[in-house]
Amino acid sequence: MGRRKDLDLEDRLEEAVDNVRRDRNVVNSLLVDLIMYMKKDTSAHKDCGMIASKYVETLQRSNEQLVKITNLLYKKDNVIQGFTDLDKDALFDLIKSDEEPPEDD
């Protein structure tokens, strides 16, 4: 049953990435068109600046979505089972060094 959930998650993540890519392509195209329009007439910056800002905001949100998806995939593949022996030894050494009184000069 766990395997089925993994397939569903992978399918959904793949679909989400595809959607982000499609949305980014559309927004990039619109942004390029808007930039070309604004280059022709400097007064267009005043009229279209907010629109350009929204396009860039949309691209930023898609970046955030990709980061979230990447984190989900990373967590799925790198489940931490607990402390390794090295981690335990390092923690023990750290605790022990804090308990020792400072040496007199």
C-alpha atoms as a PDB file:
ATOM      1  CA  MET A   1       0.000   0.000   0.000  1.00  0.00           C
ATOM      2  CA  GLY A   2       2.904   2.371   0.747  1.00  0.00           C
ATOM      3  CA  ARG A   3       4.205   1.787  -2.754  1.00  0.00           C
ATOM      4  CA  ARG A   4       0.929   3.037  -4.237  1.00  0.00           C
ATOM      5  CA  LYS A   5       1.207   6.244  -2.220  1.00  0.00           C
ATOM      6  CA  ASP A   6       4.742   6.741  -3.581  1.00  0.00           C
ATOM      7  CA  LEU A   7       3.446   6.369  -7.139  1.00  0.00           C
ATOM      8  CA  ASP A   8       0.627   8.834  -6.450  1.00  0.00           C
ATOM      9  CA  LEU A   9       3.080  11.293  -4.928  1.00  0.00           C
ATOM     10  CA  GLU A  10       5.518  10.937  -7.804  1.00  0.00           C
ATOM     11  CA  ASP A  11       2.721  11.338 -10.353  1.00  0.00           C
ATOM     12  CA  ARG A  12       1.403  14.426  -8.607  1.00  0.00           C
ATOM     13  CA  LEU A  13       4.863  15.945  -8.258  1.00  0.00           C
ATOM     14  CA  GLU A  14       5.570  15.284 -11.930  1.00  0.00           C
ATOM     15  CA  GLU A  15       2.255  16.895 -12.874  1.00  0.00           C
ATOM     16  CA  ALA A  16       3.015  19.882 -10.639  1.00  0.00           C
ATOM     17  CA  VAL A  17       6.438  20.341 -12.241  1.00  0.00           C
ATOM     18  CA  ASP A  18       4.875  20.107 -15.718  1.00  0.00           C
ATOM     19  CA  ASN A  19       2.285  22.727 -14.733  1.00  0.00           C
ATOM     20  CA  VAL A  20       4.977  25.020 -13.348  1.00  0.00           C
ATOM     21  CA  ARG A  21       6.979  24.679 -16.573  1.00  0.00           C
ATOM     22  CA  ARG A  22       3.942  25.458 -18.738  1.00  0.00           C
ATOM     23  CA  ASP A  23       2.998  28.451 -16.581  1.00  0.00           C
ATOM     24  CA  ARG A  24       6.577  29.747 -16.652  1.00  0.00           C
ATOM     25  CA  ASN A  25       6.674  29.477 -20.449  1.00  0.00           C
ATOM     26  CA  VAL A  26       3.454  31.465 -20.776  1.00  0.00           C
ATOM     27  CA  VAL A  27       4.556  34.116 -18.277  1.00  0.00           C
ATOM     28  CA  ASN A  28       8.008  34.383 -19.875  1.00  0.00           C
ATOM     29  CA  SER A  29       6.390  34.917 -23.266  1.00  0.00           C
ATOM     30  CA  LEU A  30       4.045  37.573 -21.887  1.00  0.00           C
ATOM     31  CA  LEU A  31       6.901  39.283 -20.053  1.00  0.00           C
ATOM     32  CA  VAL A  32       9.073  39.376 -23.191  1.00  0.00           C
ATOM     33  CA  ASP A  33       6.178  40.871 -25.167  1.00  0.00           C
ATOM     34  CA  LEU A  34       5.590  43.452 -22.451  1.00  0.00           C
ATOM     35  CA  ILE A  35       9.272  44.397 -22.305  1.00  0.00           C
ATOM     36  CA  MET A  36       9.364  44.841 -26.089  1.00  0.00           C
ATOM     37  CA  TYR A  37       6.249  47.028 -25.881  1.00  0.00           C
ATOM     38  CA  MET A  38       7.740  49.142 -23.085  1.00  0.00           C
ATOM     39  CA  LYS A  39      11.018  49.603 -25.004  1.00  0.00           C
ATOM     40  CA  LYS A  40       9.119  51.273 -27.834  1.00  0.00           C
ATOM     41  CA  ASP A  41       7.602  53.923 -25.584  1.00  0.00           C
ATOM     42  CA  THR A  42       9.177  54.996 -22.301  1.00  0.00           C
ATOM     43  CA  SER A  43       5.839  56.323 -21.042  1.00  0.00           C
ATOM     44  CA  ALA A  44       4.570  52.733 -21.216  1.00  0.00           C
ATOM     45  CA  HIS A  45       6.662  51.967 -18.111  1.00  0.00           C
ATOM     46  CA  LYS A  46       4.249  54.026 -16.045  1.00  0.00           C
ATOM     47  CA  ASP A  47       1.244  52.202 -17.492  1.00  0.00           C
ATOM     48  CA  CYS A  48       2.687  48.684 -17.610  1.00  0.00           C
ATOM     49  CA  GLY A  49       5.051  48.577 -14.641  1.00  0.00           C
ATOM     50  CA  MET A  50       2.496  46.934 -12.349  1.00  0.00           C
ATOM     51  CA  ILE A  51       1.714  44.309 -14.959  1.00  0.00           C
ATOM     52  CA  ALA A  52       5.405  43.507 -15.356  1.00  0.00           C
ATOM     53  CA  SER A  53       5.670  43.304 -11.575  1.00  0.00           C
ATOM     54  CA  LYS A  54       2.851  40.742 -11.472  1.00  0.00           C
ATOM     55  CA  TYR A  55       4.547  38.632 -14.145  1.00  0.00           C
ATOM     56  CA  VAL A  56       7.799  38.616 -12.196  1.00  0.00           C
ATOM     57  CA  GLU A  57       5.854  37.791  -9.008  1.00  0.00           C
ATOM     58  CA  THR A  58       4.295  34.822 -10.798  1.00  0.00           C
ATOM     59  CA  LEU A  59       7.741  33.584 -11.826  1.00  0.00           C
ATOM     60  CA  GLN A  60       8.926  33.929  -8.230  1.00  0.00           C
ATOM     61  CA  ARG A  61       5.985  31.857  -6.961  1.00  0.00           C
ATOM     62  CA  SER A  62       6.774  29.157  -9.494  1.00  0.00           C
ATOM     63  CA  ASN A  63      10.374  29.141  -8.238  1.00  0.00           C
ATOM     64  CA  GLU A  64       9.057  28.661  -4.701  1.00  0.00           C
ATOM     65  CA  GLN A  65       6.863  25.793  -5.864  1.00  0.00           C
ATOM     66  CA  LEU A  66       9.847  24.088  -7.467  1.00  0.00           C
ATOM     67  CA  VAL A  67      11.836  24.472  -4.249  1.00  0.00           C
ATOM     68  CA  LYS A  68       8.980  22.923  -2.257  1.00  0.00           C
ATOM     69  CA  ILE A  69       8.735  20.022  -4.691  1.00  0.00           C
ATOM     70  CA  THR A  70      12.491  19.509  -4.527  1.00  0.00           C
ATOM     71  CA  ASN A  71      12.325  19.457  -0.726  1.00  0.00           C
ATOM     72  CA  LEU A  72       9.527  16.886  -0.809  1.00  0.00           C
ATOM     73  CA  LEU A  73      11.535  14.653  -3.112  1.00  0.00           C
ATOM     74  CA  TYR A  74      14.638  15.080  -0.965  1.00  0.00           C
ATOM     75  CA  LYS A  75      12.754  14.194   2.212  1.00  0.00           C
ATOM     76  CA  LYS A  76      11.175  11.190   0.525  1.00  0.00           C
ATOM     77  CA  ASP A  77      14.553   9.853  -0.625  1.00  0.00           C
ATOM     78  CA  ASN A  78      16.558  10.780   2.481  1.00  0.00           C
ATOM     79  CA  VAL A  79      14.477   9.709   5.431  1.00  0.00           C
ATOM     80  CA  ILE A  80      16.618   9.961   8.549  1.00  0.00           C
ATOM     81  CA  GLN A  81      16.315   6.818  10.651  1.00  0.00           C
ATOM     82  CA  GLY A  82      18.022   8.310  13.705  1.00  0.00           C
ATOM     83  CA  PHE A  83      21.487   9.255  14.852  1.00  0.00           C
ATOM     84  CA  THR A  84      24.443   7.393  13.413  1.00  0.00           C
ATOM     85  CA  ASP A  85      27.160   6.114  15.734  1.00  0.00           C
ATOM     86  CA  LEU A  86      29.344   9.008  14.612  1.00  0.00           C
ATOM     87  CA  ASP A  87      26.567  11.476  15.480  1.00  0.00           C
ATOM     88  CA  LYS A  88      26.160   9.881  18.911  1.00  0.00           C
ATOM     89  CA  ASP A  89      29.906   9.966  19.604  1.00  0.00           C
ATOM     90  CA  ALA A  90      30.157  13.603  18.546  1.00  0.00           C
ATOM     91  CA  LEU A  91      27.223  14.559  20.782  1.00  0.00           C
ATOM     92  CA  PHE A  92      28.702  12.621  23.705  1.00  0.00           C
ATOM     93  CA  ASP A  93      32.067  14.341  23.234  1.00  0.00           C
ATOM     94  CA  LEU A  94      30.373  17.729  23.070  1.00  0.00           C
ATOM     95  CA  ILE A  95      28.397  17.092  26.262  1.00  0.00           C
ATOM     96  CA  LYS A  96      31.441  15.711  28.037  1.00  0.00           C
ATOM     97  CA  SER A  97      33.584  18.726  27.100  1.00  0.00           C
ATOM     98  CA  ASP A  98      30.931  21.071  28.514  1.00  0.00           C
ATOM     99  CA  GLU A  99      30.941  19.189  31.842  1.00  0.00           C
ATOM    100  CA  GLU A 100      34.694  19.364  32.378  1.00  0.00           C
ATOM    101  CA  PRO A 101      35.815  22.277  34.589  1.00  0.00           C
ATOM    102  CA  PRO A 102      38.115  24.814  32.942  1.00  0.00           C
ATOM    103  CA  GLU A 103      41.815  24.217  33.483  1.00  0.00           C
ATOM    104  CA  ASP A 104      43.736  26.590  35.758  1.00  0.00           C
ATOM    105  CA  ASP A 105      46.616  28.484  34.165  1.00  0.00           C
END
